[in-house]
Amino acid sequence: MEPADPGHKKGSGVNNAKDPVETKLHTAVCKGTVTLAAAQKAIVTDWTTALSRLGLA
């Protein structure tokens, strides 16, 4: 199991603004909606626009 984000408090929900973006990208890749390479490129280019770049927002 991966360690939690630094400063994360159990039961406090998401405390990293990038987490929901990563989750949506993960889901899209698993469903075959986008390729892993496209998701990786979008998030590394600018995670704040990754979902819109891929038509997932």
PDB file of N, CA and C in Angstrom:
ATOM      1  N   MET A   1       0.848  -1.184   0.000  1.00  0.00           N
ATOM      2  CA  MET A   1       0.000   0.000   0.000  1.00  0.00           C
ATOM      3  C   MET A   1       0.887   1.238   0.000  1.00  0.00           C
ATOM      4  N   GLU A   2       0.502   2.238  -0.832  1.00  0.00           N
ATOM      5  CA  GLU A   2       1.274   3.470  -0.907  1.00  0.00           C
ATOM      6  C   GLU A   2       1.035   4.310   0.335  1.00  0.00           C
ATOM      7  N   PRO A   3       2.052   5.051   0.749  1.00  0.00           N
ATOM      8  CA  PRO A   3       1.854   5.957   1.892  1.00  0.00           C
ATOM      9  C   PRO A   3       0.938   7.111   1.487  1.00  0.00           C
ATOM     10  N   ALA A   4       0.257   7.665   2.445  1.00  0.00           N
ATOM     11  CA  ALA A   4      -0.619   8.808   2.190  1.00  0.00           C
ATOM     12  C   ALA A   4       0.208  10.043   1.856  1.00  0.00           C
ATOM     13  N   ASP A   5      -0.442  11.040   1.270  1.00  0.00           N
ATOM     14  CA  ASP A   5       0.243  12.299   1.002  1.00  0.00           C
ATOM     15  C   ASP A   5       0.745  12.883   2.315  1.00  0.00           C
ATOM     16  N   PRO A   6       1.867  13.600   2.281  1.00  0.00           N
ATOM     17  CA  PRO A   6       2.363  14.244   3.506  1.00  0.00           C
ATOM     18  C   PRO A   6       1.297  15.167   4.092  1.00  0.00           C
ATOM     19  N   GLY A   7       1.101  15.090   5.352  1.00  0.00           N
ATOM     20  CA  GLY A   7       0.128  15.941   6.034  1.00  0.00           C
ATOM     21  C   GLY A   7      -1.298  15.441   5.949  1.00  0.00           C
ATOM     22  N   HIS A   8      -1.530  14.314   5.274  1.00  0.00           N
ATOM     23  CA  HIS A   8      -2.892  13.797   5.151  1.00  0.00           C
ATOM     24  C   HIS A   8      -3.385  13.275   6.499  1.00  0.00           C
ATOM     25  N   LYS A   9      -4.601  13.642   6.834  1.00  0.00           N
ATOM     26  CA  LYS A   9      -5.218  13.155   8.063  1.00  0.00           C
ATOM     27  C   LYS A   9      -6.284  12.131   7.681  1.00  0.00           C
ATOM     28  N   LYS A  10      -6.182  10.946   8.233  1.00  0.00           N
ATOM     29  CA  LYS A  10      -7.122   9.875   7.927  1.00  0.00           C
ATOM     30  C   LYS A  10      -8.555  10.343   8.136  1.00  0.00           C
ATOM     31  N   GLY A  11      -9.401  10.060   7.164  1.00  0.00           N
ATOM     32  CA  GLY A  11     -10.804  10.435   7.259  1.00  0.00           C
ATOM     33  C   GLY A  11     -11.111  11.870   6.875  1.00  0.00           C
ATOM     34  N   SER A  12     -10.086  12.632   6.471  1.00  0.00           N
ATOM     35  CA  SER A  12     -10.309  14.042   6.155  1.00  0.00           C
ATOM     36  C   SER A  12     -10.601  14.282   4.684  1.00  0.00           C
ATOM     37  N   GLY A  13     -10.674  13.209   3.903  1.00  0.00           N
ATOM     38  CA  GLY A  13     -10.957  13.357   2.478  1.00  0.00           C
ATOM     39  C   GLY A  13      -9.714  13.772   1.720  1.00  0.00           C
ATOM     40  N   VAL A  14      -9.933  14.309   0.543  1.00  0.00           N
ATOM     41  CA  VAL A  14      -8.831  14.712  -0.327  1.00  0.00           C
ATOM     42  C   VAL A  14      -8.196  15.994   0.202  1.00  0.00           C
ATOM     43  N   ASN A  15      -6.892  15.976   0.358  1.00  0.00           N
ATOM     44  CA  ASN A  15      -6.235  17.201   0.787  1.00  0.00           C
ATOM     45  C   ASN A  15      -5.159  17.632  -0.204  1.00  0.00           C
ATOM     46  N   ASN A  16      -5.159  17.038  -1.373  1.00  0.00           N
ATOM     47  CA  ASN A  16      -4.239  17.419  -2.422  1.00  0.00           C
ATOM     48  C   ASN A  16      -5.099  17.715  -3.640  1.00  0.00           C
ATOM     49  N   ALA A  17      -5.048  18.933  -4.128  1.00  0.00           N
ATOM     50  CA  ALA A  17      -5.915  19.347  -5.234  1.00  0.00           C
ATOM     51  C   ALA A  17      -5.700  18.518  -6.502  1.00  0.00           C
ATOM     52  N   LYS A  18      -4.536  17.906  -6.642  1.00  0.00           N
ATOM     53  CA  LYS A  18      -4.240  17.109  -7.834  1.00  0.00           C
ATOM     54  C   LYS A  18      -4.855  15.706  -7.750  1.00  0.00           C
ATOM     55  N   ASP A  19      -5.207  15.236  -6.574  1.00  0.00           N
ATOM     56  CA  ASP A  19      -5.740  13.884  -6.406  1.00  0.00           C
ATOM     57  C   ASP A  19      -6.971  13.596  -7.268  1.00  0.00           C
ATOM     58  N   PRO A  20      -7.979  14.468  -7.294  1.00  0.00           N
ATOM     59  CA  PRO A  20      -9.155  14.175  -8.124  1.00  0.00           C
ATOM     60  C   PRO A  20      -8.809  14.104  -9.615  1.00  0.00           C
ATOM     61  N   VAL A  21      -7.850  14.911 -10.047  1.00  0.00           N
ATOM     62  CA  VAL A  21      -7.416  14.878 -11.449  1.00  0.00           C
ATOM     63  C   VAL A  21      -6.778  13.524 -11.746  1.00  0.00           C
ATOM     64  N   GLU A  22      -5.892  13.087 -10.864  1.00  0.00           N
ATOM     65  CA  GLU A  22      -5.233  11.790 -11.045  1.00  0.00           C
ATOM     66  C   GLU A  22      -6.249  10.649 -11.052  1.00  0.00           C
ATOM     67  N   THR A  23      -7.246  10.723 -10.209  1.00  0.00           N
ATOM     68  CA  THR A  23      -8.275   9.690 -10.139  1.00  0.00           C
ATOM     69  C   THR A  23      -9.074   9.629 -11.437  1.00  0.00           C
ATOM     70  N   LYS A  24      -9.461  10.789 -11.957  1.00  0.00           N
ATOM     71  CA  LYS A  24     -10.220  10.808 -13.213  1.00  0.00           C
ATOM     72  C   LYS A  24      -9.374  10.295 -14.372  1.00  0.00           C
ATOM     73  N   LEU A  25      -8.097  10.652 -14.393  1.00  0.00           N
ATOM     74  CA  LEU A  25      -7.209  10.153 -15.445  1.00  0.00           C
ATOM     75  C   LEU A  25      -7.058   8.635 -15.340  1.00  0.00           C
ATOM     76  N   HIS A  26      -6.876   8.153 -14.126  1.00  0.00           N
ATOM     77  CA  HIS A  26      -6.739   6.712 -13.885  1.00  0.00           C
ATOM     78  C   HIS A  26      -7.966   5.966 -14.399  1.00  0.00           C
ATOM     79  N   THR A  27      -9.130   6.473 -14.073  1.00  0.00           N
ATOM     80  CA  THR A  27     -10.383   5.850 -14.506  1.00  0.00           C
ATOM     81  C   THR A  27     -10.493   5.860 -16.029  1.00  0.00           C
ATOM     82  N   ALA A  28     -10.150   6.982 -16.643  1.00  0.00           N
ATOM     83  CA  ALA A  28     -10.237   7.093 -18.101  1.00  0.00           C
ATOM     84  C   ALA A  28      -9.274   6.128 -18.794  1.00  0.00           C
ATOM     85  N   VAL A  29      -8.088   5.976 -18.250  1.00  0.00           N
ATOM     86  CA  VAL A  29      -7.114   5.044 -18.825  1.00  0.00           C
ATOM     87  C   VAL A  29      -7.624   3.613 -18.680  1.00  0.00           C
ATOM     88  N   CYS A  30      -8.127   3.264 -17.520  1.00  0.00           N
ATOM     89  CA  CYS A  30      -8.629   1.900 -17.289  1.00  0.00           C
ATOM     90  C   CYS A  30      -9.827   1.568 -18.173  1.00  0.00           C
ATOM     91  N   LYS A  31     -10.662   2.557 -18.465  1.00  0.00           N
ATOM     92  CA  LYS A  31     -11.820   2.342 -19.333  1.00  0.00           C
ATOM     93  C   LYS A  31     -11.443   2.353 -20.810  1.00  0.00           C
ATOM     94  N   GLY A  32     -10.217   2.781 -21.112  1.00  0.00           N
ATOM     95  CA  GLY A  32      -9.788   2.866 -22.502  1.00  0.00           C
ATOM     96  C   GLY A  32     -10.219   4.149 -23.186  1.00  0.00           C
ATOM     97  N   THR A  33     -10.685   5.114 -22.405  1.00  0.00           N
ATOM     98  CA  THR A  33     -11.121   6.396 -22.955  1.00  0.00           C
ATOM     99  C   THR A  33      -9.935   7.199 -23.479  1.00  0.00           C
ATOM    100  N   VAL A  34      -8.825   7.136 -22.778  1.00  0.00           N
ATOM    101  CA  VAL A  34      -7.577   7.781 -23.201  1.00  0.00           C
ATOM    102  C   VAL A  34      -6.438   6.784 -22.999  1.00  0.00           C
ATOM    103  N   THR A  35      -5.358   7.007 -23.720  1.00  0.00           N
ATOM    104  CA  THR A  35      -4.205   6.133 -23.534  1.00  0.00           C
ATOM    105  C   THR A  35      -3.400   6.586 -22.327  1.00  0.00           C
ATOM    106  N   LEU A  36      -2.636   5.672 -21.788  1.00  0.00           N
ATOM    107  CA  LEU A  36      -1.769   6.013 -20.669  1.00  0.00           C
ATOM    108  C   LEU A  36      -0.786   7.099 -21.084  1.00  0.00           C
ATOM    109  N   ALA A  37      -0.220   6.975 -22.275  1.00  0.00           N
ATOM    110  CA  ALA A  37       0.748   7.968 -22.753  1.00  0.00           C
ATOM    111  C   ALA A  37       0.126   9.365 -22.833  1.00  0.00           C
ATOM    112  N   ALA A  38      -1.113   9.449 -23.321  1.00  0.00           N
ATOM    113  CA  ALA A  38      -1.788  10.747 -23.422  1.00  0.00           C
ATOM    114  C   ALA A  38      -2.052  11.334 -22.039  1.00  0.00           C
ATOM    115  N   ALA A  39      -2.479  10.495 -21.101  1.00  0.00           N
ATOM    116  CA  ALA A  39      -2.737  10.957 -19.738  1.00  0.00           C
ATOM    117  C   ALA A  39      -1.447  11.445 -19.081  1.00  0.00           C
ATOM    118  N   GLN A  40      -0.375  10.695 -19.266  1.00  0.00           N
ATOM    119  CA  GLN A  40       0.911  11.088 -18.687  1.00  0.00           C
ATOM    120  C   GLN A  40       1.378  12.416 -19.264  1.00  0.00           C
ATOM    121  N   LYS A  41       1.276  12.563 -20.568  1.00  0.00           N
ATOM    122  CA  LYS A  41       1.721  13.806 -21.211  1.00  0.00           C
ATOM    123  C   LYS A  41       0.895  14.991 -20.725  1.00  0.00           C
ATOM    124  N   ALA A  42      -0.432  14.809 -20.632  1.00  0.00           N
ATOM    125  CA  ALA A  42      -1.309  15.901 -20.204  1.00  0.00           C
ATOM    126  C   ALA A  42      -1.020  16.324 -18.772  1.00  0.00           C
ATOM    127  N   ILE A  43      -0.793  15.367 -17.870  1.00  0.00           N
ATOM    128  CA  ILE A  43      -0.588  15.732 -16.468  1.00  0.00           C
ATOM    129  C   ILE A  43       0.784  16.341 -16.234  1.00  0.00           C
ATOM    130  N   VAL A  44       1.778  15.893 -16.989  1.00  0.00           N
ATOM    131  CA  VAL A  44       3.118  16.450 -16.805  1.00  0.00           C
ATOM    132  C   VAL A  44       3.232  17.828 -17.458  1.00  0.00           C
ATOM    133  N   THR A  45       2.455  18.062 -18.511  1.00  0.00           N
ATOM    134  CA  THR A  45       2.485  19.372 -19.178  1.00  0.00           C
ATOM    135  C   THR A  45       1.890  20.433 -18.263  1.00  0.00           C
ATOM    136  N   ASP A  46       0.694  20.172 -17.741  1.00  0.00           N
ATOM    137  CA  ASP A  46       0.036  21.097 -16.803  1.00  0.00           C
ATOM    138  C   ASP A  46      -1.142  20.357 -16.189  1.00  0.00           C
ATOM    139  N   TRP A  47      -0.959  19.870 -14.961  1.00  0.00           N
ATOM    140  CA  TRP A  47      -1.993  19.048 -14.351  1.00  0.00           C
ATOM    141  C   TRP A  47      -3.319  19.787 -14.208  1.00  0.00           C
ATOM    142  N   THR A  48      -3.274  21.141 -14.130  1.00  0.00           N
ATOM    143  CA  THR A  48      -4.515  21.902 -13.947  1.00  0.00           C
ATOM    144  C   THR A  48      -5.372  21.918 -15.207  1.00  0.00           C
ATOM    145  N   THR A  49      -4.786  21.613 -16.369  1.00  0.00           N
ATOM    146  CA  THR A  49      -5.550  21.592 -17.614  1.00  0.00           C
ATOM    147  C   THR A  49      -5.624  20.186 -18.218  1.00  0.00           C
ATOM    148  N   ALA A  50      -5.093  19.195 -17.524  1.00  0.00           N
ATOM    149  CA  ALA A  50      -5.012  17.841 -18.072  1.00  0.00           C
ATOM    150  C   ALA A  50      -6.373  17.285 -18.478  1.00  0.00           C
ATOM    151  N   LEU A  51      -7.369  17.449 -17.649  1.00  0.00           N
ATOM    152  CA  LEU A  51      -8.685  16.888 -17.955  1.00  0.00           C
ATOM    153  C   LEU A  51      -9.317  17.581 -19.168  1.00  0.00           C
ATOM    154  N   SER A  52      -9.225  18.893 -19.225  1.00  0.00           N
ATOM    155  CA  SER A  52      -9.814  19.602 -20.363  1.00  0.00           C
ATOM    156  C   SER A  52      -9.069  19.296 -21.654  1.00  0.00           C
ATOM    157  N   ARG A  53      -7.752  19.139 -21.580  1.00  0.00           N
ATOM    158  CA  ARG A  53      -6.960  18.800 -22.764  1.00  0.00           C
ATOM    159  C   ARG A  53      -7.406  17.462 -23.367  1.00  0.00           C
ATOM    160  N   LEU A  54      -7.833  16.551 -22.513  1.00  0.00           N
ATOM    161  CA  LEU A  54      -8.232  15.225 -22.961  1.00  0.00           C
ATOM    162  C   LEU A  54      -9.740  15.073 -23.128  1.00  0.00           C
ATOM    163  N   GLY A  55     -10.467  16.168 -22.950  1.00  0.00           N
ATOM    164  CA  GLY A  55     -11.920  16.117 -23.103  1.00  0.00           C
ATOM    165  C   GLY A  55     -12.631  15.405 -21.974  1.00  0.00           C
ATOM    166  N   LEU A  56     -12.035  15.423 -20.786  1.00  0.00           N
ATOM    167  CA  LEU A  56     -12.612  14.714 -19.635  1.00  0.00           C
ATOM    168  C   LEU A  56     -13.227  15.656 -18.613  1.00  0.00           C
ATOM    169  N   ALA A  57     -13.110  16.946 -18.828  1.00  0.00           N
ATOM    170  CA  ALA A  57     -13.603  17.906 -17.830  1.00  0.00           C
ATOM    171  C   ALA A  57     -15.064  18.218 -18.043  1.00  0.00           C
TER     172      ALA A  57
END
